[in-house]
Amino acid sequence: MRGCYIRTRNSEQSGCRGGVGAEYYDGSGGAEYGLEIGQNCNAELPMMALCSHIDEIMEFLNKSESSLAYLILKSMKDTEKDLEKQLEKTAGDDIV
Protein backbone atom coordinates (compact mmCIF):
# COMPACT_ATOMS: atom_id res chain seq x y z
CA MET A 1 0.00 0.00 0.00
CA ARG A 2 1.25 3.47 -0.84
CA GLY A 3 1.27 6.19 1.77
CA CYS A 4 -1.26 8.99 1.48
CA TYR A 5 -2.32 12.18 3.26
CA ILE A 6 -5.33 14.47 3.43
CA ARG A 7 -5.71 17.96 4.90
CA THR A 8 -8.61 20.33 5.24
CA ARG A 9 -8.84 23.09 2.69
CA ASN A 10 -8.24 25.69 5.43
CA SER A 11 -5.01 24.09 6.64
CA GLU A 12 -2.27 26.59 7.34
CA GLN A 13 0.31 24.14 5.99
CA SER A 14 1.53 24.70 2.47
CA GLY A 15 0.78 22.19 -0.25
CA CYS A 16 -2.26 20.50 -1.63
CA ARG A 17 -5.19 18.90 0.11
CA GLY A 18 -4.19 15.30 -0.51
CA GLY A 19 -1.79 12.96 -2.19
CA VAL A 20 -0.82 9.34 -2.76
CA GLY A 21 2.81 8.20 -2.74
CA ALA A 22 4.62 7.49 -6.01
CA GLU A 23 6.11 4.16 -4.97
CA TYR A 24 5.14 1.17 -2.89
CA TYR A 25 5.05 2.41 0.72
CA ASP A 26 8.18 1.39 2.63
CA GLY A 27 7.74 3.70 5.61
CA SER A 28 10.50 6.07 4.51
CA GLY A 29 8.11 9.00 4.20
CA GLY A 30 9.41 10.08 0.79
CA ALA A 31 8.21 13.41 -0.59
CA GLU A 32 7.36 12.14 -4.08
CA TYR A 33 3.71 11.63 -5.00
CA GLY A 34 2.17 9.65 -7.83
CA LEU A 35 -1.02 11.68 -7.37
CA GLU A 36 -1.40 15.06 -5.68
CA ILE A 37 -4.61 17.03 -5.43
CA GLY A 38 -4.26 20.71 -6.30
CA GLN A 39 -5.94 23.77 -7.83
CA ASN A 40 -9.56 23.34 -6.70
CA CYS A 41 -8.49 20.87 -3.99
CA ASN A 42 -11.21 18.33 -4.79
CA ALA A 43 -10.63 14.83 -3.46
CA GLU A 44 -13.03 11.96 -2.84
CA LEU A 45 -11.88 9.66 -0.04
CA PRO A 46 -12.86 6.42 -1.87
CA MET A 47 -10.81 7.53 -4.90
CA MET A 48 -7.77 8.29 -2.72
CA ALA A 49 -8.14 4.95 -0.91
CA LEU A 50 -8.33 3.16 -4.26
CA CYS A 51 -5.23 4.98 -5.53
CA SER A 52 -3.28 4.07 -2.40
CA HIS A 53 -3.88 0.39 -3.25
CA ILE A 54 -2.96 0.65 -6.95
CA ASP A 55 0.03 -1.71 -6.62
CA GLU A 56 -2.07 -4.49 -5.09
CA ILE A 57 -4.88 -3.90 -7.56
CA MET A 58 -2.53 -4.09 -10.55
CA GLU A 59 -0.93 -7.27 -9.19
CA PHE A 60 -4.37 -8.83 -8.76
CA LEU A 61 -5.55 -7.80 -12.24
CA ASN A 62 -2.35 -9.06 -13.88
CA LYS A 63 -2.52 -12.45 -12.13
CA SER A 64 -6.27 -13.02 -12.29
CA GLU A 65 -7.76 -15.39 -14.85
CA SER A 66 -11.11 -13.61 -14.63
CA SER A 67 -12.48 -12.17 -17.87
CA LEU A 68 -13.72 -9.15 -15.89
CA ALA A 69 -10.21 -8.55 -14.53
CA TYR A 70 -8.86 -8.76 -18.10
CA LEU A 71 -11.42 -6.21 -19.33
CA ILE A 72 -10.67 -3.82 -16.45
CA LEU A 73 -6.92 -4.08 -17.05
CA LYS A 74 -7.35 -3.54 -20.80
CA SER A 75 -9.59 -0.53 -20.19
CA MET A 76 -7.08 0.95 -17.73
CA LYS A 77 -4.25 0.55 -20.25
CA ASP A 78 -6.37 2.11 -23.02
CA THR A 79 -7.27 5.03 -20.76
CA GLU A 80 -3.61 5.51 -19.88
CA LYS A 81 -2.73 5.66 -23.59
CA ASP A 82 -5.51 8.19 -24.20
CA LEU A 83 -4.25 10.35 -21.33
CA GLU A 84 -0.71 10.15 -22.67
CA LYS A 85 -1.95 11.37 -26.07
CA GLN A 86 -3.77 14.25 -24.36
CA LEU A 87 -0.56 15.23 -22.55
CA GLU A 88 1.43 15.12 -25.78
CA LYS A 89 -1.20 17.28 -27.49
CA THR A 90 -1.27 19.87 -24.70
CA ALA A 91 2.54 19.91 -24.58
CA GLY A 92 2.51 20.71 -28.30
CA ASP A 93 -0.04 23.48 -27.71
CA ASP A 94 2.32 25.11 -25.17
CA ILE A 95 5.09 25.45 -27.75
CA VAL A 96 4.84 28.85 -29.41
C-alpha atoms as a PDB file:
ATOM      1  CA  MET A   1       0.000   0.000   0.000  1.00  0.00           C
ATOM      2  CA  ARG A   2       1.246   3.472  -0.844  1.00  0.00           C
ATOM      3  CA  GLY A   3       1.275   6.186   1.768  1.00  0.00           C
ATOM      4  CA  CYS A   4      -1.263   8.986   1.477  1.00  0.00           C
ATOM      5  CA  TYR A   5      -2.319  12.175   3.262  1.00  0.00           C
ATOM      6  CA  ILE A   6      -5.327  14.471   3.431  1.00  0.00           C
ATOM      7  CA  ARG A   7      -5.712  17.960   4.900  1.00  0.00           C
ATOM      8  CA  THR A   8      -8.607  20.328   5.240  1.00  0.00           C
ATOM      9  CA  ARG A   9      -8.837  23.092   2.690  1.00  0.00           C
ATOM     10  CA  ASN A  10      -8.236  25.687   5.430  1.00  0.00           C
ATOM     11  CA  SER A  11      -5.013  24.086   6.639  1.00  0.00           C
ATOM     12  CA  GLU A  12      -2.266  26.586   7.344  1.00  0.00           C
ATOM     13  CA  GLN A  13       0.314  24.145   5.991  1.00  0.00           C
ATOM     14  CA  SER A  14       1.529  24.702   2.468  1.00  0.00           C
ATOM     15  CA  GLY A  15       0.777  22.193  -0.250  1.00  0.00           C
ATOM     16  CA  CYS A  16      -2.264  20.503  -1.626  1.00  0.00           C
ATOM     17  CA  ARG A  17      -5.186  18.900   0.105  1.00  0.00           C
ATOM     18  CA  GLY A  18      -4.190  15.297  -0.509  1.00  0.00           C
ATOM     19  CA  GLY A  19      -1.786  12.956  -2.194  1.00  0.00           C
ATOM     20  CA  VAL A  20      -0.817   9.336  -2.759  1.00  0.00           C
ATOM     21  CA  GLY A  21       2.810   8.201  -2.740  1.00  0.00           C
ATOM     22  CA  ALA A  22       4.618   7.486  -6.008  1.00  0.00           C
ATOM     23  CA  GLU A  23       6.111   4.164  -4.969  1.00  0.00           C
ATOM     24  CA  TYR A  24       5.141   1.173  -2.886  1.00  0.00           C
ATOM     25  CA  TYR A  25       5.055   2.409   0.717  1.00  0.00           C
ATOM     26  CA  ASP A  26       8.176   1.392   2.633  1.00  0.00           C
ATOM     27  CA  GLY A  27       7.739   3.695   5.614  1.00  0.00           C
ATOM     28  CA  SER A  28      10.503   6.066   4.510  1.00  0.00           C
ATOM     29  CA  GLY A  29       8.106   9.003   4.196  1.00  0.00           C
ATOM     30  CA  GLY A  30       9.414  10.078   0.794  1.00  0.00           C
ATOM     31  CA  ALA A  31       8.207  13.409  -0.594  1.00  0.00           C
ATOM     32  CA  GLU A  32       7.358  12.140  -4.077  1.00  0.00           C
ATOM     33  CA  TYR A  33       3.712  11.631  -4.997  1.00  0.00           C
ATOM     34  CA  GLY A  34       2.170   9.649  -7.827  1.00  0.00           C
ATOM     35  CA  LEU A  35      -1.022  11.681  -7.368  1.00  0.00           C
ATOM     36  CA  GLU A  36      -1.399  15.056  -5.681  1.00  0.00           C
ATOM     37  CA  ILE A  37      -4.611  17.035  -5.430  1.00  0.00           C
ATOM     38  CA  GLY A  38      -4.260  20.708  -6.298  1.00  0.00           C
ATOM     39  CA  GLN A  39      -5.939  23.769  -7.835  1.00  0.00           C
ATOM     40  CA  ASN A  40      -9.563  23.345  -6.696  1.00  0.00           C
ATOM     41  CA  CYS A  41      -8.493  20.868  -3.987  1.00  0.00           C
ATOM     42  CA  ASN A  42     -11.206  18.325  -4.787  1.00  0.00           C
ATOM     43  CA  ALA A  43     -10.629  14.831  -3.461  1.00  0.00           C
ATOM     44  CA  GLU A  44     -13.034  11.961  -2.842  1.00  0.00           C
ATOM     45  CA  LEU A  45     -11.885   9.665  -0.045  1.00  0.00           C
ATOM     46  CA  PRO A  46     -12.857   6.419  -1.867  1.00  0.00           C
ATOM     47  CA  MET A  47     -10.806   7.531  -4.896  1.00  0.00           C
ATOM     48  CA  MET A  48      -7.771   8.292  -2.724  1.00  0.00           C
ATOM     49  CA  ALA A  49      -8.137   4.947  -0.914  1.00  0.00           C
ATOM     50  CA  LEU A  50      -8.334   3.156  -4.263  1.00  0.00           C
ATOM     51  CA  CYS A  51      -5.233   4.980  -5.526  1.00  0.00           C
ATOM     52  CA  SER A  52      -3.279   4.069  -2.396  1.00  0.00           C
ATOM     53  CA  HIS A  53      -3.878   0.390  -3.254  1.00  0.00           C
ATOM     54  CA  ILE A  54      -2.957   0.651  -6.949  1.00  0.00           C
ATOM     55  CA  ASP A  55       0.030  -1.714  -6.622  1.00  0.00           C
ATOM     56  CA  GLU A  56      -2.070  -4.489  -5.085  1.00  0.00           C
ATOM     57  CA  ILE A  57      -4.885  -3.900  -7.564  1.00  0.00           C
ATOM     58  CA  MET A  58      -2.531  -4.085 -10.548  1.00  0.00           C
ATOM     59  CA  GLU A  59      -0.929  -7.267  -9.188  1.00  0.00           C
ATOM     60  CA  PHE A  60      -4.374  -8.832  -8.760  1.00  0.00           C
ATOM     61  CA  LEU A  61      -5.550  -7.796 -12.239  1.00  0.00           C
ATOM     62  CA  ASN A  62      -2.349  -9.065 -13.875  1.00  0.00           C
ATOM     63  CA  LYS A  63      -2.522 -12.449 -12.133  1.00  0.00           C
ATOM     64  CA  SER A  64      -6.269 -13.021 -12.292  1.00  0.00           C
ATOM     65  CA  GLU A  65      -7.761 -15.387 -14.846  1.00  0.00           C
ATOM     66  CA  SER A  66     -11.107 -13.606 -14.628  1.00  0.00           C
ATOM     67  CA  SER A  67     -12.482 -12.168 -17.873  1.00  0.00           C
ATOM     68  CA  LEU A  68     -13.723  -9.147 -15.891  1.00  0.00           C
ATOM     69  CA  ALA A  69     -10.210  -8.548 -14.528  1.00  0.00           C
ATOM     70  CA  TYR A  70      -8.861  -8.758 -18.099  1.00  0.00           C
ATOM     71  CA  LEU A  71     -11.423  -6.210 -19.328  1.00  0.00           C
ATOM     72  CA  ILE A  72     -10.672  -3.820 -16.454  1.00  0.00           C
ATOM     73  CA  LEU A  73      -6.922  -4.085 -17.051  1.00  0.00           C
ATOM     74  CA  LYS A  74      -7.347  -3.538 -20.804  1.00  0.00           C
ATOM     75  CA  SER A  75      -9.590  -0.531 -20.191  1.00  0.00           C
ATOM     76  CA  MET A  76      -7.083   0.948 -17.731  1.00  0.00           C
ATOM     77  CA  LYS A  77      -4.253   0.552 -20.246  1.00  0.00           C
ATOM     78  CA  ASP A  78      -6.375   2.111 -23.022  1.00  0.00           C
ATOM     79  CA  THR A  79      -7.272   5.034 -20.765  1.00  0.00           C
ATOM     80  CA  GLU A  80      -3.606   5.506 -19.877  1.00  0.00           C
ATOM     81  CA  LYS A  81      -2.729   5.657 -23.594  1.00  0.00           C
ATOM     82  CA  ASP A  82      -5.515   8.192 -24.200  1.00  0.00           C
ATOM     83  CA  LEU A  83      -4.252  10.349 -21.328  1.00  0.00           C
ATOM     84  CA  GLU A  84      -0.711  10.148 -22.672  1.00  0.00           C
ATOM     85  CA  LYS A  85      -1.952  11.374 -26.072  1.00  0.00           C
ATOM     86  CA  GLN A  86      -3.774  14.254 -24.363  1.00  0.00           C
ATOM     87  CA  LEU A  87      -0.565  15.230 -22.547  1.00  0.00           C
ATOM     88  CA  GLU A  88       1.426  15.123 -25.778  1.00  0.00           C
ATOM     89  CA  LYS A  89      -1.196  17.283 -27.489  1.00  0.00           C
ATOM     90  CA  THR A  90      -1.273  19.873 -24.703  1.00  0.00           C
ATOM     91  CA  ALA A  91       2.538  19.911 -24.581  1.00  0.00           C
ATOM     92  CA  GLY A  92       2.511  20.710 -28.304  1.00  0.00           C
ATOM     93  CA  ASP A  93      -0.040  23.482 -27.707  1.00  0.00           C
ATOM     94  CA  ASP A  94       2.316  25.105 -25.171  1.00  0.00           C
ATOM     95  CA  ILE A  95       5.091  25.453 -27.750  1.00  0.00           C
ATOM     96  CA  VAL A  96       4.844  28.852 -29.409  1.00  0.00           C
END
